[in-house]
Amino acid sequence: MIERIVITGVHTDVDEDLKKYVERKIGNLDKYISPRLRESVHAEVRLIENNAKGAKSLTCEVVMHLPHEILTTKESTLNIYAAVDIVEAKMKNQILKYKEKHANSKIQQKWLKRRRQRKA
């Protein structure tokens, strides 16, 4: 579980249920990060409510600070829980790309090779 997750609400209140949901979804992304990097990872989650022209939309934005890179993902929907789910999937893909880019050990190289073979 990612230890440092900062959740803020912009123009909206973040209740305990939503906070626990975001912590569980974003916190579980640490299983895609190598164990030696997990200590230095932290995430910022902004939950934003927009009322433009009478249409209500809710936005979830996640900024994840990793060594050597900052990953950002943003999604707007009518339901904040759906936005969190979509952002989680997008962030997972970005973390896997980060892992491919910064893989340096032979074990990681083998893992990436098997992953590419499964996709093909």
PDB file of N, CA and C in Angstrom:
ATOM      1  N   MET A   1       0.838  -1.178   0.000  1.00  0.00           N
ATOM      2  CA  MET A   1       0.000   0.000   0.000  1.00  0.00           C
ATOM      3  C   MET A   1       0.883   1.241   0.000  1.00  0.00           C
ATOM      4  N   ILE A   2       0.595   2.168  -0.861  1.00  0.00           N
ATOM      5  CA  ILE A   2       1.337   3.425  -0.877  1.00  0.00           C
ATOM      6  C   ILE A   2       1.024   4.164   0.419  1.00  0.00           C
ATOM      7  N   GLU A   3       2.066   4.489   1.154  1.00  0.00           N
ATOM      8  CA  GLU A   3       1.889   5.064   2.491  1.00  0.00           C
ATOM      9  C   GLU A   3       1.431   6.522   2.456  1.00  0.00           C
ATOM     10  N   ARG A   4       2.000   7.299   1.553  1.00  0.00           N
ATOM     11  CA  ARG A   4       1.700   8.729   1.541  1.00  0.00           C
ATOM     12  C   ARG A   4       0.755   9.064   0.397  1.00  0.00           C
ATOM     13  N   ILE A   5      -0.514   9.210   0.712  1.00  0.00           N
ATOM     14  CA  ILE A   5      -1.522   9.621  -0.262  1.00  0.00           C
ATOM     15  C   ILE A   5      -2.230  10.839   0.312  1.00  0.00           C
ATOM     16  N   VAL A   6      -2.166  11.934  -0.412  1.00  0.00           N
ATOM     17  CA  VAL A   6      -2.815  13.178   0.009  1.00  0.00           C
ATOM     18  C   VAL A   6      -4.066  13.356  -0.840  1.00  0.00           C
ATOM     19  N   ILE A   7      -5.221  13.398  -0.198  1.00  0.00           N
ATOM     20  CA  ILE A   7      -6.495  13.520  -0.907  1.00  0.00           C
ATOM     21  C   ILE A   7      -7.097  14.877  -0.577  1.00  0.00           C
ATOM     22  N   THR A   8      -7.396  15.653  -1.631  1.00  0.00           N
ATOM     23  CA  THR A   8      -8.015  16.956  -1.431  1.00  0.00           C
ATOM     24  C   THR A   8      -9.242  17.074  -2.316  1.00  0.00           C
ATOM     25  N   GLY A   9     -10.216  17.800  -1.840  1.00  0.00           N
ATOM     26  CA  GLY A   9     -11.428  18.059  -2.609  1.00  0.00           C
ATOM     27  C   GLY A   9     -11.477  19.529  -2.994  1.00  0.00           C
ATOM     28  N   VAL A  10     -11.735  19.794  -4.266  1.00  0.00           N
ATOM     29  CA  VAL A  10     -11.862  21.170  -4.762  1.00  0.00           C
ATOM     30  C   VAL A  10     -13.326  21.383  -5.123  1.00  0.00           C
ATOM     31  N   HIS A  11     -13.980  22.287  -4.454  1.00  0.00           N
ATOM     32  CA  HIS A  11     -15.404  22.587  -4.607  1.00  0.00           C
ATOM     33  C   HIS A  11     -16.285  21.398  -4.241  1.00  0.00           C
ATOM     34  N   THR A  12     -15.776  20.476  -3.481  1.00  0.00           N
ATOM     35  CA  THR A  12     -16.545  19.320  -3.038  1.00  0.00           C
ATOM     36  C   THR A  12     -16.009  18.829  -1.702  1.00  0.00           C
ATOM     37  N   ASP A  13     -16.865  18.170  -0.963  1.00  0.00           N
ATOM     38  CA  ASP A  13     -16.458  17.579   0.312  1.00  0.00           C
ATOM     39  C   ASP A  13     -16.073  16.123   0.079  1.00  0.00           C
ATOM     40  N   VAL A  14     -15.012  15.697   0.730  1.00  0.00           N
ATOM     41  CA  VAL A  14     -14.555  14.313   0.633  1.00  0.00           C
ATOM     42  C   VAL A  14     -14.956  13.613   1.924  1.00  0.00           C
ATOM     43  N   ASP A  15     -15.967  12.728   1.832  1.00  0.00           N
ATOM     44  CA  ASP A  15     -16.404  12.011   3.024  1.00  0.00           C
ATOM     45  C   ASP A  15     -15.513  10.800   3.271  1.00  0.00           C
ATOM     46  N   GLU A  16     -15.713  10.144   4.393  1.00  0.00           N
ATOM     47  CA  GLU A  16     -14.857   9.019   4.790  1.00  0.00           C
ATOM     48  C   GLU A  16     -14.946   7.845   3.831  1.00  0.00           C
ATOM     49  N   ASP A  17     -16.146   7.551   3.318  1.00  0.00           N
ATOM     50  CA  ASP A  17     -16.296   6.431   2.384  1.00  0.00           C
ATOM     51  C   ASP A  17     -15.488   6.671   1.109  1.00  0.00           C
ATOM     52  N   LEU A  18     -15.586   7.870   0.578  1.00  0.00           N
ATOM     53  CA  LEU A  18     -14.844   8.201  -0.637  1.00  0.00           C
ATOM     54  C   LEU A  18     -13.345   8.185  -0.378  1.00  0.00           C
ATOM     55  N   LYS A  19     -12.949   8.694   0.766  1.00  0.00           N
ATOM     56  CA  LYS A  19     -11.531   8.716   1.126  1.00  0.00           C
ATOM     57  C   LYS A  19     -10.971   7.294   1.226  1.00  0.00           C
ATOM     58  N   LYS A  20     -11.702   6.395   1.883  1.00  0.00           N
ATOM     59  CA  LYS A  20     -11.269   4.999   2.000  1.00  0.00           C
ATOM     60  C   LYS A  20     -11.202   4.328   0.629  1.00  0.00           C
ATOM     61  N   TYR A  21     -12.175   4.628  -0.235  1.00  0.00           N
ATOM     62  CA  TYR A  21     -12.210   4.044  -1.574  1.00  0.00           C
ATOM     63  C   TYR A  21     -10.992   4.475  -2.385  1.00  0.00           C
ATOM     64  N   VAL A  22     -10.685   5.761  -2.349  1.00  0.00           N
ATOM     65  CA  VAL A  22      -9.525   6.289  -3.094  1.00  0.00           C
ATOM     66  C   VAL A  22      -8.235   5.700  -2.528  1.00  0.00           C
ATOM     67  N   GLU A  23      -8.108   5.653  -1.215  1.00  0.00           N
ATOM     68  CA  GLU A  23      -6.905   5.085  -0.601  1.00  0.00           C
ATOM     69  C   GLU A  23      -6.717   3.629  -0.990  1.00  0.00           C
ATOM     70  N   ARG A  24      -7.805   2.865  -1.046  1.00  0.00           N
ATOM     71  CA  ARG A  24      -7.704   1.456  -1.417  1.00  0.00           C
ATOM     72  C   ARG A  24      -7.310   1.298  -2.884  1.00  0.00           C
ATOM     73  N   LYS A  25      -7.966   2.041  -3.769  1.00  0.00           N
ATOM     74  CA  LYS A  25      -7.701   1.905  -5.206  1.00  0.00           C
ATOM     75  C   LYS A  25      -6.303   2.406  -5.577  1.00  0.00           C
ATOM     76  N   ILE A  26      -5.957   3.600  -5.157  1.00  0.00           N
ATOM     77  CA  ILE A  26      -4.656   4.181  -5.513  1.00  0.00           C
ATOM     78  C   ILE A  26      -3.549   3.522  -4.699  1.00  0.00           C
ATOM     79  N   GLY A  27      -3.825   3.185  -3.463  1.00  0.00           N
ATOM     80  CA  GLY A  27      -2.825   2.540  -2.612  1.00  0.00           C
ATOM     81  C   GLY A  27      -2.393   1.182  -3.117  1.00  0.00           C
ATOM     82  N   ASN A  28      -3.292   0.453  -3.772  1.00  0.00           N
ATOM     83  CA  ASN A  28      -2.962  -0.869  -4.283  1.00  0.00           C
ATOM     84  C   ASN A  28      -2.107  -0.833  -5.542  1.00  0.00           C
ATOM     85  N   LEU A  29      -1.858   0.332  -6.090  1.00  0.00           N
ATOM     86  CA  LEU A  29      -0.990   0.433  -7.266  1.00  0.00           C
ATOM     87  C   LEU A  29       0.462   0.126  -6.932  1.00  0.00           C
ATOM     88  N   ASP A  30       0.787   0.063  -5.641  1.00  0.00           N
ATOM     89  CA  ASP A  30       2.184  -0.198  -5.271  1.00  0.00           C
ATOM     90  C   ASP A  30       2.641  -1.593  -5.669  1.00  0.00           C
ATOM     91  N   LYS A  31       1.721  -2.506  -5.931  1.00  0.00           N
ATOM     92  CA  LYS A  31       2.137  -3.847  -6.343  1.00  0.00           C
ATOM     93  C   LYS A  31       2.766  -3.844  -7.731  1.00  0.00           C
ATOM     94  N   TYR A  32       2.604  -2.768  -8.480  1.00  0.00           N
ATOM     95  CA  TYR A  32       3.237  -2.651  -9.797  1.00  0.00           C
ATOM     96  C   TYR A  32       4.576  -1.917  -9.723  1.00  0.00           C
ATOM     97  N   ILE A  33       4.923  -1.430  -8.540  1.00  0.00           N
ATOM     98  CA  ILE A  33       6.180  -0.709  -8.329  1.00  0.00           C
ATOM     99  C   ILE A  33       7.158  -1.657  -7.657  1.00  0.00           C
ATOM    100  N   SER A  34       8.410  -1.595  -8.066  1.00  0.00           N
ATOM    101  CA  SER A  34       9.394  -2.497  -7.482  1.00  0.00           C
ATOM    102  C   SER A  34       9.557  -2.210  -5.984  1.00  0.00           C
ATOM    103  N   PRO A  35       9.813  -3.250  -5.192  1.00  0.00           N
ATOM    104  CA  PRO A  35       9.865  -3.094  -3.729  1.00  0.00           C
ATOM    105  C   PRO A  35      10.893  -2.066  -3.241  1.00  0.00           C
ATOM    106  N   ARG A  36      11.999  -1.933  -3.935  1.00  0.00           N
ATOM    107  CA  ARG A  36      13.018  -0.996  -3.455  1.00  0.00           C
ATOM    108  C   ARG A  36      12.623   0.458  -3.684  1.00  0.00           C
ATOM    109  N   LEU A  37      11.629   0.719  -4.527  1.00  0.00           N
ATOM    110  CA  LEU A  37      11.192   2.092  -4.789  1.00  0.00           C
ATOM    111  C   LEU A  37       9.963   2.491  -3.988  1.00  0.00           C
ATOM    112  N   ARG A  38       9.302   1.531  -3.364  1.00  0.00           N
ATOM    113  CA  ARG A  38       8.018   1.796  -2.704  1.00  0.00           C
ATOM    114  C   ARG A  38       8.103   2.833  -1.598  1.00  0.00           C
ATOM    115  N   GLU A  39       9.224   2.894  -0.896  1.00  0.00           N
ATOM    116  CA  GLU A  39       9.361   3.852   0.216  1.00  0.00           C
ATOM    117  C   GLU A  39       9.299   5.298  -0.264  1.00  0.00           C
ATOM    118  N   SER A  40       9.841   5.570  -1.449  1.00  0.00           N
ATOM    119  CA  SER A  40       9.951   6.941  -1.914  1.00  0.00           C
ATOM    120  C   SER A  40       8.765   7.410  -2.748  1.00  0.00           C
ATOM    121  N   VAL A  41       7.779   6.560  -2.967  1.00  0.00           N
ATOM    122  CA  VAL A  41       6.623   6.909  -3.790  1.00  0.00           C
ATOM    123  C   VAL A  41       5.560   7.593  -2.937  1.00  0.00           C
ATOM    124  N   HIS A  42       5.008   8.676  -3.480  1.00  0.00           N
ATOM    125  CA  HIS A  42       3.836   9.266  -2.846  1.00  0.00           C
ATOM    126  C   HIS A  42       2.901   9.809  -3.919  1.00  0.00           C
ATOM    127  N   ALA A  43       1.630   9.915  -3.564  1.00  0.00           N
ATOM    128  CA  ALA A  43       0.606  10.307  -4.529  1.00  0.00           C
ATOM    129  C   ALA A  43      -0.233  11.453  -3.988  1.00  0.00           C
ATOM    130  N   GLU A  44      -0.663  12.295  -4.914  1.00  0.00           N
ATOM    131  CA  GLU A  44      -1.579  13.388  -4.601  1.00  0.00           C
ATOM    132  C   GLU A  44      -2.838  13.159  -5.428  1.00  0.00           C
ATOM    133  N   VAL A  45      -3.998  13.152  -4.763  1.00  0.00           N
ATOM    134  CA  VAL A  45      -5.269  12.928  -5.448  1.00  0.00           C
ATOM    135  C   VAL A  45      -6.127  14.169  -5.245  1.00  0.00           C
ATOM    136  N   ARG A  46      -6.598  14.724  -6.361  1.00  0.00           N
ATOM    137  CA  ARG A  46      -7.499  15.879  -6.292  1.00  0.00           C
ATOM    138  C   ARG A  46      -8.847  15.477  -6.867  1.00  0.00           C
ATOM    139  N   LEU A  47      -9.893  15.674  -6.105  1.00  0.00           N
ATOM    140  CA  LEU A  47     -11.257  15.402  -6.535  1.00  0.00           C
ATOM    141  C   LEU A  47     -11.939  16.747  -6.750  1.00  0.00           C
ATOM    142  N   ILE A  48     -12.316  17.023  -7.996  1.00  0.00           N
ATOM    143  CA  ILE A  48     -12.790  18.354  -8.381  1.00  0.00           C
ATOM    144  C   ILE A  48     -14.218  18.255  -8.898  1.00  0.00           C
ATOM    145  N   GLU A  49     -15.077  19.165  -8.451  1.00  0.00           N
ATOM    146  CA  GLU A  49     -16.448  19.245  -8.955  1.00  0.00           C
ATOM    147  C   GLU A  49     -16.565  20.492  -9.833  1.00  0.00           C
ATOM    148  N   ASN A  50     -17.032  20.296 -11.070  1.00  0.00           N
ATOM    149  CA  ASN A  50     -17.203  21.394 -12.015  1.00  0.00           C
ATOM    150  C   ASN A  50     -18.685  21.562 -12.318  1.00  0.00           C
ATOM    151  N   ASN A  51     -19.156  22.787 -12.243  1.00  0.00           N
ATOM    152  CA  ASN A  51     -20.546  23.097 -12.592  1.00  0.00           C
ATOM    153  C   ASN A  51     -20.558  24.114 -13.717  1.00  0.00           C
ATOM    154  N   ALA A  52     -20.103  23.730 -14.879  1.00  0.00           N
ATOM    155  CA  ALA A  52     -20.043  24.637 -16.019  1.00  0.00           C
ATOM    156  C   ALA A  52     -21.334  24.529 -16.835  1.00  0.00           C
ATOM    157  N   LYS A  53     -22.000  25.641 -17.024  1.00  0.00           N
ATOM    158  CA  LYS A  53     -23.215  25.721 -17.839  1.00  0.00           C
ATOM    159  C   LYS A  53     -24.288  24.729 -17.399  1.00  0.00           C
ATOM    160  N   GLY A  54     -24.419  24.547 -16.121  1.00  0.00           N
ATOM    161  CA  GLY A  54     -25.449  23.684 -15.580  1.00  0.00           C
ATOM    162  C   GLY A  54     -25.151  22.201 -15.655  1.00  0.00           C
ATOM    163  N   ALA A  55     -24.077  21.822 -16.320  1.00  0.00           N
ATOM    164  CA  ALA A  55     -23.709  20.406 -16.405  1.00  0.00           C
ATOM    165  C   ALA A  55     -22.689  20.098 -15.319  1.00  0.00           C
ATOM    166  N   LYS A  56     -23.025  19.152 -14.487  1.00  0.00           N
ATOM    167  CA  LYS A  56     -22.138  18.789 -13.377  1.00  0.00           C
ATOM    168  C   LYS A  56     -21.202  17.669 -13.833  1.00  0.00           C
ATOM    169  N   SER A  57     -19.922  17.873 -13.640  1.00  0.00           N
ATOM    170  CA  SER A  57     -18.957  16.813 -13.919  1.00  0.00           C
ATOM    171  C   SER A  57     -17.979  16.738 -12.754  1.00  0.00           C
ATOM    172  N   LEU A  58     -17.531  15.539 -12.480  1.00  0.00           N
ATOM    173  CA  LEU A  58     -16.598  15.303 -11.393  1.00  0.00           C
ATOM    174  C   LEU A  58     -15.290  14.797 -11.983  1.00  0.00           C
ATOM    175  N   THR A  59     -14.191  15.358 -11.518  1.00  0.00           N
ATOM    176  CA  THR A  59     -12.880  15.034 -12.060  1.00  0.00           C
ATOM    177  C   THR A  59     -12.005  14.462 -10.962  1.00  0.00           C
ATOM    178  N   CYS A  60     -11.277  13.413 -11.316  1.00  0.00           N
ATOM    179  CA  CYS A  60     -10.289  12.832 -10.418  1.00  0.00           C
ATOM    180  C   CYS A  60      -8.935  12.984 -11.090  1.00  0.00           C
ATOM    181  N   GLU A  61      -8.010  13.609 -10.403  1.00  0.00           N
ATOM    182  CA  GLU A  61      -6.666  13.811 -10.926  1.00  0.00           C
ATOM    183  C   GLU A  61      -5.671  13.216  -9.934  1.00  0.00           C
ATOM    184  N   VAL A  62      -4.765  12.385 -10.453  1.00  0.00           N
ATOM    185  CA  VAL A  62      -3.760  11.739  -9.607  1.00  0.00           C
ATOM    186  C   VAL A  62      -2.383  12.121 -10.115  1.00  0.00           C
ATOM    187  N   VAL A  63      -1.545  12.589  -9.198  1.00  0.00           N
ATOM    188  CA  VAL A  63      -0.142  12.888  -9.501  1.00  0.00           C
ATOM    189  C   VAL A  63       0.689  11.981  -8.607  1.00  0.00           C
ATOM    190  N   MET A  64       1.454  11.097  -9.256  1.00  0.00           N
ATOM    191  CA  MET A  64       2.275  10.145  -8.511  1.00  0.00           C
ATOM    192  C   MET A  64       3.743  10.493  -8.705  1.00  0.00           C
ATOM    193  N   HIS A  65       4.422  10.691  -7.589  1.00  0.00           N
ATOM    194  CA  HIS A  65       5.836  11.053  -7.600  1.00  0.00           C
ATOM    195  C   HIS A  65       6.678   9.793  -7.439  1.00  0.00           C
ATOM    196  N   LEU A  66       7.407   9.441  -8.504  1.00  0.00           N
ATOM    197  CA  LEU A  66       8.313   8.297  -8.507  1.00  0.00           C
ATOM    198  C   LEU A  66       9.727   8.817  -8.685  1.00  0.00           C
ATOM    199  N   PRO A  67      10.730   8.031  -8.336  1.00  0.00           N
ATOM    200  CA  PRO A  67      12.099   8.476  -8.595  1.00  0.00           C
ATOM    201  C   PRO A  67      12.308   8.695 -10.095  1.00  0.00           C
ATOM    202  N   HIS A  68      12.856   9.811 -10.458  1.00  0.00           N
ATOM    203  CA  HIS A  68      13.191  10.182 -11.832  1.00  0.00           C
ATOM    204  C   HIS A  68      12.000  10.595 -12.680  1.00  0.00           C
ATOM    205  N   GLU A  69      10.781  10.565 -12.172  1.00  0.00           N
ATOM    206  CA  GLU A  69       9.639  10.889 -13.006  1.00  0.00           C
ATOM    207  C   GLU A  69       8.399  11.183 -12.169  1.00  0.00           C
ATOM    208  N   ILE A  70       7.503  11.990 -12.739  1.00  0.00           N
ATOM    209  CA  ILE A  70       6.214  12.285 -12.124  1.00  0.00           C
ATOM    210  C   ILE A  70       5.139  11.856 -13.115  1.00  0.00           C
ATOM    211  N   LEU A  71       4.219  10.994 -12.665  1.00  0.00           N
ATOM    212  CA  LEU A  71       3.150  10.502 -13.516  1.00  0.00           C
ATOM    213  C   LEU A  71       1.858  11.225 -13.159  1.00  0.00           C
ATOM    214  N   THR A  72       1.114  11.658 -14.196  1.00  0.00           N
ATOM    215  CA  THR A  72      -0.126  12.390 -13.987  1.00  0.00           C
ATOM    216  C   THR A  72      -1.238  11.763 -14.815  1.00  0.00           C
ATOM    217  N   THR A  73      -2.399  11.625 -14.204  1.00  0.00           N
ATOM    218  CA  THR A  73      -3.567  11.092 -14.890  1.00  0.00           C
ATOM    219  C   THR A  73      -4.790  11.872 -14.427  1.00  0.00           C
ATOM    220  N   LYS A  74      -5.718  12.096 -15.376  1.00  0.00           N
ATOM    221  CA  LYS A  74      -6.902  12.883 -15.070  1.00  0.00           C
ATOM    222  C   LYS A  74      -8.093  12.305 -15.831  1.00  0.00           C
ATOM    223  N   GLU A  75      -9.257  12.268 -15.182  1.00  0.00           N
ATOM    224  CA  GLU A  75     -10.466  11.757 -15.828  1.00  0.00           C
ATOM    225  C   GLU A  75     -11.693  12.462 -15.265  1.00  0.00           C
ATOM    226  N   SER A  76     -12.635  12.806 -16.149  1.00  0.00           N
ATOM    227  CA  SER A  76     -13.881  13.452 -15.751  1.00  0.00           C
ATOM    228  C   SER A  76     -15.068  12.578 -16.129  1.00  0.00           C
ATOM    229  N   THR A  77     -15.976  12.390 -15.194  1.00  0.00           N
ATOM    230  CA  THR A  77     -17.209  11.636 -15.426  1.00  0.00           C
ATOM    231  C   THR A  77     -18.322  12.232 -14.578  1.00  0.00           C
ATOM    232  N   LEU A  78     -19.498  11.615 -14.656  1.00  0.00           N
ATOM    233  CA  LEU A  78     -20.623  12.054 -13.830  1.00  0.00           C
ATOM    234  C   LEU A  78     -20.586  11.447 -12.440  1.00  0.00           C
ATOM    235  N   ASN A  79     -19.802  10.382 -12.277  1.00  0.00           N
ATOM    236  CA  ASN A  79     -19.712   9.674 -10.999  1.00  0.00           C
ATOM    237  C   ASN A  79     -18.254   9.665 -10.554  1.00  0.00           C
ATOM    238  N   ILE A  80     -17.978  10.133  -9.369  1.00  0.00           N
ATOM    239  CA  ILE A  80     -16.596  10.240  -8.889  1.00  0.00           C
ATOM    240  C   ILE A  80     -15.965   8.870  -8.684  1.00  0.00           C
ATOM    241  N   TYR A  81     -16.751   7.878  -8.300  1.00  0.00           N
ATOM    242  CA  TYR A  81     -16.208   6.534  -8.108  1.00  0.00           C
ATOM    243  C   TYR A  81     -15.755   5.937  -9.439  1.00  0.00           C
ATOM    244  N   ALA A  82     -16.518   6.193 -10.500  1.00  0.00           N
ATOM    245  CA  ALA A  82     -16.125   5.725 -11.829  1.00  0.00           C
ATOM    246  C   ALA A  82     -14.852   6.430 -12.282  1.00  0.00           C
ATOM    247  N   ALA A  83     -14.739   7.708 -11.978  1.00  0.00           N
ATOM    248  CA  ALA A  83     -13.532   8.455 -12.346  1.00  0.00           C
ATOM    249  C   ALA A  83     -12.311   7.877 -11.640  1.00  0.00           C
ATOM    250  N   VAL A  84     -12.457   7.505 -10.382  1.00  0.00           N
ATOM    251  CA  VAL A  84     -11.346   6.911  -9.633  1.00  0.00           C
ATOM    252  C   VAL A  84     -10.945   5.576 -10.252  1.00  0.00           C
ATOM    253  N   ASP A  85     -11.925   4.770 -10.648  1.00  0.00           N
ATOM    254  CA  ASP A  85     -11.630   3.477 -11.277  1.00  0.00           C
ATOM    255  C   ASP A  85     -10.867   3.654 -12.589  1.00  0.00           C
ATOM    256  N   ILE A  86     -11.291   4.596 -13.405  1.00  0.00           N
ATOM    257  CA  ILE A  86     -10.635   4.832 -14.697  1.00  0.00           C
ATOM    258  C   ILE A  86      -9.221   5.359 -14.489  1.00  0.00           C
ATOM    259  N   VAL A  87      -9.065   6.274 -13.549  1.00  0.00           N
ATOM    260  CA  VAL A  87      -7.736   6.817 -13.252  1.00  0.00           C
ATOM    261  C   VAL A  87      -6.810   5.720 -12.743  1.00  0.00           C
ATOM    262  N   GLU A  88      -7.339   4.806 -11.949  1.00  0.00           N
ATOM    263  CA  GLU A  88      -6.526   3.697 -11.454  1.00  0.00           C
ATOM    264  C   GLU A  88      -5.995   2.857 -12.622  1.00  0.00           C
ATOM    265  N   ALA A  89      -6.849   2.545 -13.589  1.00  0.00           N
ATOM    266  CA  ALA A  89      -6.430   1.747 -14.747  1.00  0.00           C
ATOM    267  C   ALA A  89      -5.391   2.491 -15.582  1.00  0.00           C
ATOM    268  N   LYS A  90      -5.603   3.787 -15.781  1.00  0.00           N
ATOM    269  CA  LYS A  90      -4.638   4.589 -16.549  1.00  0.00           C
ATOM    270  C   LYS A  90      -3.294   4.665 -15.831  1.00  0.00           C
ATOM    271  N   MET A  91      -3.339   4.852 -14.534  1.00  0.00           N
ATOM    272  CA  MET A  91      -2.103   4.962 -13.762  1.00  0.00           C
ATOM    273  C   MET A  91      -1.353   3.632 -13.757  1.00  0.00           C
ATOM    274  N   LYS A  92      -2.072   2.533 -13.713  1.00  0.00           N
ATOM    275  CA  LYS A  92      -1.440   1.217 -13.774  1.00  0.00           C
ATOM    276  C   LYS A  92      -0.633   1.090 -15.070  1.00  0.00           C
ATOM    277  N   ASN A  93      -1.227   1.479 -16.190  1.00  0.00           N
ATOM    278  CA  ASN A  93      -0.514   1.414 -17.467  1.00  0.00           C
ATOM    279  C   ASN A  93       0.705   2.315 -17.488  1.00  0.00           C
ATOM    280  N   GLN A  94       0.588   3.501 -16.911  1.00  0.00           N
ATOM    281  CA  GLN A  94       1.733   4.416 -16.864  1.00  0.00           C
ATOM    282  C   GLN A  94       2.849   3.857 -15.988  1.00  0.00           C
ATOM    283  N   ILE A  95       2.493   3.223 -14.887  1.00  0.00           N
ATOM    284  CA  ILE A  95       3.510   2.634 -14.002  1.00  0.00           C
ATOM    285  C   ILE A  95       4.231   1.500 -14.720  1.00  0.00           C
ATOM    286  N   LEU A  96       3.496   0.675 -15.460  1.00  0.00           N
ATOM    287  CA  LEU A  96       4.130  -0.413 -16.202  1.00  0.00           C
ATOM    288  C   LEU A  96       5.073   0.121 -17.274  1.00  0.00           C
ATOM    289  N   LYS A  97       4.690   1.219 -17.944  1.00  0.00           N
ATOM    290  CA  LYS A  97       5.587   1.842 -18.927  1.00  0.00           C
ATOM    291  C   LYS A  97       6.823   2.408 -18.239  1.00  0.00           C
ATOM    292  N   TYR A  98       6.630   3.021 -17.079  1.00  0.00           N
ATOM    293  CA  TYR A  98       7.756   3.546 -16.290  1.00  0.00           C
ATOM    294  C   TYR A  98       8.698   2.414 -15.918  1.00  0.00           C
ATOM    295  N   LYS A  99       8.122   1.288 -15.518  1.00  0.00           N
ATOM    296  CA  LYS A  99       8.916   0.141 -15.110  1.00  0.00           C
ATOM    297  C   LYS A  99       9.729  -0.393 -16.294  1.00  0.00           C
ATOM    298  N   GLU A 100       9.135  -0.425 -17.483  1.00  0.00           N
ATOM    299  CA  GLU A 100       9.859  -0.860 -18.679  1.00  0.00           C
ATOM    300  C   GLU A 100      11.011   0.093 -18.995  1.00  0.00           C
ATOM    301  N   LYS A 101      10.743   1.357 -18.853  1.00  0.00           N
ATOM    302  CA  LYS A 101      11.741   2.376 -19.184  1.00  0.00           C
ATOM    303  C   LYS A 101      12.931   2.341 -18.231  1.00  0.00           C
ATOM    304  N   HIS A 102      12.671   2.095 -16.956  1.00  0.00           N
ATOM    305  CA  HIS A 102      13.717   2.162 -15.942  1.00  0.00           C
ATOM    306  C   HIS A 102      14.174   0.793 -15.444  1.00  0.00           C
ATOM    307  N   ALA A 103      13.817  -0.271 -16.156  1.00  0.00           N
ATOM    308  CA  ALA A 103      14.230  -1.611 -15.732  1.00  0.00           C
ATOM    309  C   ALA A 103      15.738  -1.748 -15.901  1.00  0.00           C
ATOM    310  N   ASN A 104      16.404  -2.195 -14.850  1.00  0.00           N
ATOM    311  CA  ASN A 104      17.852  -2.300 -14.922  1.00  0.00           C
ATOM    312  C   ASN A 104      18.393  -3.639 -14.443  1.00  0.00           C
ATOM    313  N   SER A 105      17.612  -4.420 -13.763  1.00  0.00           N
ATOM    314  CA  SER A 105      18.135  -5.701 -13.289  1.00  0.00           C
ATOM    315  C   SER A 105      17.749  -6.808 -14.269  1.00  0.00           C
ATOM    316  N   LYS A 106      18.469  -7.897 -14.212  1.00  0.00           N
ATOM    317  CA  LYS A 106      18.194  -9.018 -15.105  1.00  0.00           C
ATOM    318  C   LYS A 106      16.830  -9.637 -14.813  1.00  0.00           C
ATOM    319  N   ILE A 107      16.435  -9.637 -13.559  1.00  0.00           N
ATOM    320  CA  ILE A 107      15.135 -10.194 -13.189  1.00  0.00           C
ATOM    321  C   ILE A 107      14.019  -9.364 -13.819  1.00  0.00           C
ATOM    322  N   GLN A 108      14.145  -8.039 -13.742  1.00  0.00           N
ATOM    323  CA  GLN A 108      13.142  -7.183 -14.347  1.00  0.00           C
ATOM    324  C   GLN A 108      13.120  -7.356 -15.859  1.00  0.00           C
ATOM    325  N   GLN A 109      14.275  -7.510 -16.484  1.00  0.00           N
ATOM    326  CA  GLN A 109      14.333  -7.700 -17.924  1.00  0.00           C
ATOM    327  C   GLN A 109      13.611  -8.990 -18.320  1.00  0.00           C
ATOM    328  N   LYS A 110      13.792 -10.068 -17.546  1.00  0.00           N
ATOM    329  CA  LYS A 110      13.108 -11.321 -17.828  1.00  0.00           C
ATOM    330  C   LYS A 110      11.598 -11.152 -17.687  1.00  0.00           C
ATOM    331  N   TRP A 111      11.182 -10.451 -16.637  1.00  0.00           N
ATOM    332  CA  TRP A 111       9.766 -10.217 -16.410  1.00  0.00           C
ATOM    333  C   TRP A 111       9.158  -9.453 -17.576  1.00  0.00           C
ATOM    334  N   LEU A 112       9.853  -8.410 -18.045  1.00  0.00           N
ATOM    335  CA  LEU A 112       9.352  -7.613 -19.159  1.00  0.00           C
ATOM    336  C   LEU A 112       9.296  -8.425 -20.445  1.00  0.00           C
ATOM    337  N   LYS A 113      10.275  -9.288 -20.659  1.00  0.00           N
ATOM    338  CA  LYS A 113      10.298 -10.125 -21.856  1.00  0.00           C
ATOM    339  C   LYS A 113       9.086 -11.061 -21.861  1.00  0.00           C
ATOM    340  N   ARG A 114       8.778 -11.687 -20.698  1.00  0.00           N
ATOM    341  CA  ARG A 114       7.611 -12.555 -20.599  1.00  0.00           C
ATOM    342  C   ARG A 114       6.325 -11.778 -20.813  1.00  0.00           C
ATOM    343  N   ARG A 115       6.259 -10.563 -20.297  1.00  0.00           N
ATOM    344  CA  ARG A 115       5.066  -9.721 -20.455  1.00  0.00           C
ATOM    345  C   ARG A 115       4.830  -9.390 -21.914  1.00  0.00           C
ATOM    346  N   ARG A 116       5.898  -9.044 -22.644  1.00  0.00           N
ATOM    347  CA  ARG A 116       5.774  -8.728 -24.071  1.00  0.00           C
ATOM    348  C   ARG A 116       5.325  -9.954 -24.861  1.00  0.00           C
ATOM    349  N   GLN A 117       5.838 -11.115 -24.493  1.00  0.00           N
ATOM    350  CA  GLN A 117       5.465 -12.350 -25.199  1.00  0.00           C
ATOM    351  C   GLN A 117       3.995 -12.686 -24.984  1.00  0.00           C
ATOM    352  N   ARG A 118       3.489 -12.432 -23.786  1.00  0.00           N
ATOM    353  CA  ARG A 118       2.076 -12.694 -23.511  1.00  0.00           C
ATOM    354  C   ARG A 118       1.175 -11.771 -24.325  1.00  0.00           C
ATOM    355  N   LYS A 119       1.599 -10.519 -24.513  1.00  0.00           N
ATOM    356  CA  LYS A 119       0.794  -9.561 -25.279  1.00  0.00           C
ATOM    357  C   LYS A 119       0.734  -9.941 -26.752  1.00  0.00           C
ATOM    358  N   ALA A 120       1.807 -10.521 -27.274  1.00  0.00           N
ATOM    359  CA  ALA A 120       1.866 -10.849 -28.710  1.00  0.00           C
ATOM    360  C   ALA A 120       1.050 -12.049 -29.080  1.00  0.00           C
TER     361      ALA A 120
END
